[in-house]
Amino acid sequence: MSKHRNPPLTTDIFIFDEDFNFILIKRKNNPYKNCWALPGGFVEYGESVETAAIREAKEETSIDVELMDLVNVYSEPGRDPRGHTITIAYTAKGNMDNRKADDDACDIGIFSAEKLDEIKLAFDHDKIIKDCLKKAKKGL
């Protein structure tokens, strides 16, 4: 009988406003220490992905969010240098004035799509952000 290994499940949250500006956190830890990333993290055992997304957004940004749309599932085995992870990305709304870096974040900022190519991003978050922007613009 073979032993199965399952990749850990994570979630990423694209918090945006009516002008499609969005929140990024600066990572406090490796991998990608001091790079910008979407808020997100690991789904805990017994927790739904949606609950994890809301919890991770609050832990890293201090923002209470409302999930808007499921964007996509990202499962490329090499997307995380720690090992194969699968992330589920959501768009979300929340009061961005309440932002404060916390937990695994050492800084927090609001960015625009026009500046995306100038930002040093972690993981495959450039692709995820572009997909989120497309989804958010279709929804409005």
Protein backbone atom coordinates (compact mmCIF):
# COMPACT_ATOMS: atom_id res chain seq x y z
CA MET A 1 0.00 0.00 0.00
CA SER A 2 1.43 3.41 -0.96
CA LYS A 3 1.62 6.33 1.45
CA HIS A 4 -0.12 9.48 0.18
CA ARG A 5 1.27 12.96 0.80
CA ASN A 6 -1.07 15.88 0.45
CA PRO A 7 0.14 19.43 -0.17
CA PRO A 8 -0.84 21.97 2.50
CA LEU A 9 -3.78 24.23 1.70
CA THR A 10 -3.43 28.01 1.91
CA THR A 11 -5.56 31.01 1.05
CA ASP A 12 -4.73 34.46 -0.34
CA ILE A 13 -6.98 37.49 -0.04
CA PHE A 14 -7.15 40.42 -2.47
CA ILE A 15 -8.64 43.29 -0.44
CA PHE A 16 -9.59 46.14 -2.79
CA ASP A 17 -11.50 49.42 -2.93
CA GLU A 18 -13.81 51.01 -5.52
CA ASP A 19 -10.77 52.33 -7.45
CA PHE A 20 -9.18 48.84 -7.50
CA ASN A 21 -6.40 49.85 -5.13
CA PHE A 22 -5.40 46.85 -3.04
CA ILE A 23 -3.66 45.87 0.18
CA LEU A 24 -0.30 44.12 0.31
CA ILE A 25 1.69 43.14 3.36
CA LYS A 26 5.48 43.09 3.63
CA ARG A 27 6.56 39.66 4.83
CA LYS A 28 8.30 39.51 8.20
CA ASN A 29 9.65 35.97 7.71
CA ASN A 30 11.27 33.76 5.10
CA PRO A 31 10.60 32.74 2.46
CA TYR A 32 10.51 36.09 0.69
CA LYS A 33 11.30 38.10 3.81
CA ASN A 34 10.76 41.85 3.12
CA CYS A 35 8.89 41.18 -0.13
CA TRP A 36 5.32 42.31 -0.67
CA ALA A 37 2.57 39.69 -0.69
CA LEU A 38 -1.15 39.27 -0.54
CA PRO A 39 -2.45 38.68 2.95
CA GLY A 40 -2.96 34.98 3.48
CA GLY A 41 -1.76 31.80 5.09
CA PHE A 42 -2.39 28.20 5.95
CA VAL A 43 -5.82 26.70 6.49
CA GLU A 44 -6.00 25.06 9.91
CA TYR A 45 -7.32 21.52 10.38
CA GLY A 46 -11.10 21.63 10.85
CA GLU A 47 -11.38 25.14 9.37
CA SER A 48 -13.12 26.04 6.11
CA VAL A 49 -11.08 27.87 3.49
CA GLU A 50 -13.48 30.82 3.69
CA THR A 51 -13.05 31.08 7.47
CA ALA A 52 -9.27 30.83 7.05
CA ALA A 53 -9.30 33.67 4.49
CA ILE A 54 -11.26 35.94 6.83
CA ARG A 55 -9.04 35.00 9.80
CA GLU A 56 -5.77 35.49 7.89
CA ALA A 57 -6.92 38.88 6.56
CA LYS A 58 -7.71 40.01 10.10
CA GLU A 59 -4.48 38.59 11.59
CA GLU A 60 -2.19 40.21 9.03
CA THR A 61 -4.00 43.47 8.22
CA SER A 62 -6.37 44.12 11.17
CA ILE A 63 -9.15 44.49 8.57
CA ASP A 64 -12.49 42.70 8.91
CA VAL A 65 -13.28 41.54 5.38
CA GLU A 66 -16.27 40.31 3.46
CA LEU A 67 -15.30 37.76 0.83
CA MET A 68 -16.65 38.75 -2.58
CA ASP A 69 -15.59 36.11 -5.11
CA LEU A 70 -13.54 32.96 -5.46
CA VAL A 71 -10.87 33.83 -8.02
CA ASN A 72 -8.95 30.63 -8.70
CA VAL A 73 -6.99 27.73 -7.28
CA TYR A 74 -3.19 27.87 -7.72
CA SER A 75 -1.46 24.51 -7.45
CA GLU A 76 1.82 24.66 -9.38
CA PRO A 77 4.16 22.44 -7.31
CA GLY A 78 7.05 24.97 -7.41
CA ARG A 79 5.05 28.05 -6.36
CA ASP A 80 6.34 27.94 -2.76
CA PRO A 81 10.03 27.23 -1.99
CA ARG A 82 8.99 25.46 1.26
CA GLY A 83 7.27 22.75 -0.77
CA HIS A 84 4.16 22.02 -2.77
CA THR A 85 1.22 24.13 -1.51
CA ILE A 86 -2.17 24.81 -3.00
CA THR A 87 -3.77 28.23 -2.51
CA ILE A 88 -7.32 29.37 -3.02
CA ALA A 89 -7.59 33.09 -3.78
CA TYR A 90 -10.52 35.37 -2.98
CA THR A 91 -11.39 38.99 -3.64
CA ALA A 92 -12.64 40.82 -0.56
CA LYS A 93 -13.89 44.18 0.66
CA GLY A 94 -13.13 45.82 3.97
CA ASN A 95 -12.40 49.20 5.51
CA MET A 96 -8.82 49.80 4.36
CA ASP A 97 -8.56 52.76 6.78
CA ASN A 98 -8.37 50.17 9.59
CA ARG A 99 -5.20 48.59 8.18
CA LYS A 100 -2.33 47.80 10.49
CA ALA A 101 0.48 45.31 9.88
CA ASP A 102 0.34 42.45 12.36
CA ASP A 103 1.23 38.76 12.79
CA ASP A 104 3.54 37.74 9.89
CA ALA A 105 3.53 41.26 8.36
CA CYS A 106 6.13 43.93 9.15
CA ASP A 107 4.49 46.59 6.96
CA ILE A 108 1.28 47.17 5.03
CA GLY A 109 0.50 49.32 2.02
CA ILE A 110 -2.10 50.24 -0.54
CA PHE A 111 -1.06 49.75 -4.15
CA SER A 112 -2.51 50.31 -7.61
CA ALA A 113 -2.42 48.08 -10.68
CA GLU A 114 -0.34 50.71 -12.49
CA LYS A 115 2.53 50.15 -10.01
CA LEU A 116 2.36 46.34 -10.05
CA ASP A 117 5.49 45.85 -12.17
CA GLU A 118 7.52 48.00 -9.74
CA ILE A 119 6.71 45.89 -6.66
CA LYS A 120 8.96 43.05 -5.49
CA LEU A 121 6.33 40.35 -4.91
CA ALA A 122 6.55 37.00 -3.14
CA PHE A 123 5.56 33.61 -4.52
CA ASP A 124 3.35 33.78 -7.66
CA HIS A 125 1.39 36.74 -6.31
CA ASP A 126 1.90 38.79 -9.47
CA LYS A 127 -0.21 36.26 -11.39
CA ILE A 128 -2.76 35.98 -8.59
CA ILE A 129 -3.10 39.79 -8.33
CA LYS A 130 -3.65 40.12 -12.08
CA ASP A 131 -6.33 37.41 -11.95
CA CYS A 132 -7.96 39.12 -8.95
CA LEU A 133 -8.01 42.49 -10.72
CA LYS A 134 -9.74 40.90 -13.73
CA LYS A 135 -12.32 39.22 -11.48
CA ALA A 136 -12.94 42.36 -9.40
CA LYS A 137 -13.42 44.55 -12.48
CA LYS A 138 -15.88 42.07 -14.00
CA GLY A 139 -17.92 42.08 -10.78
CA LEU A 140 -18.49 45.85 -10.74
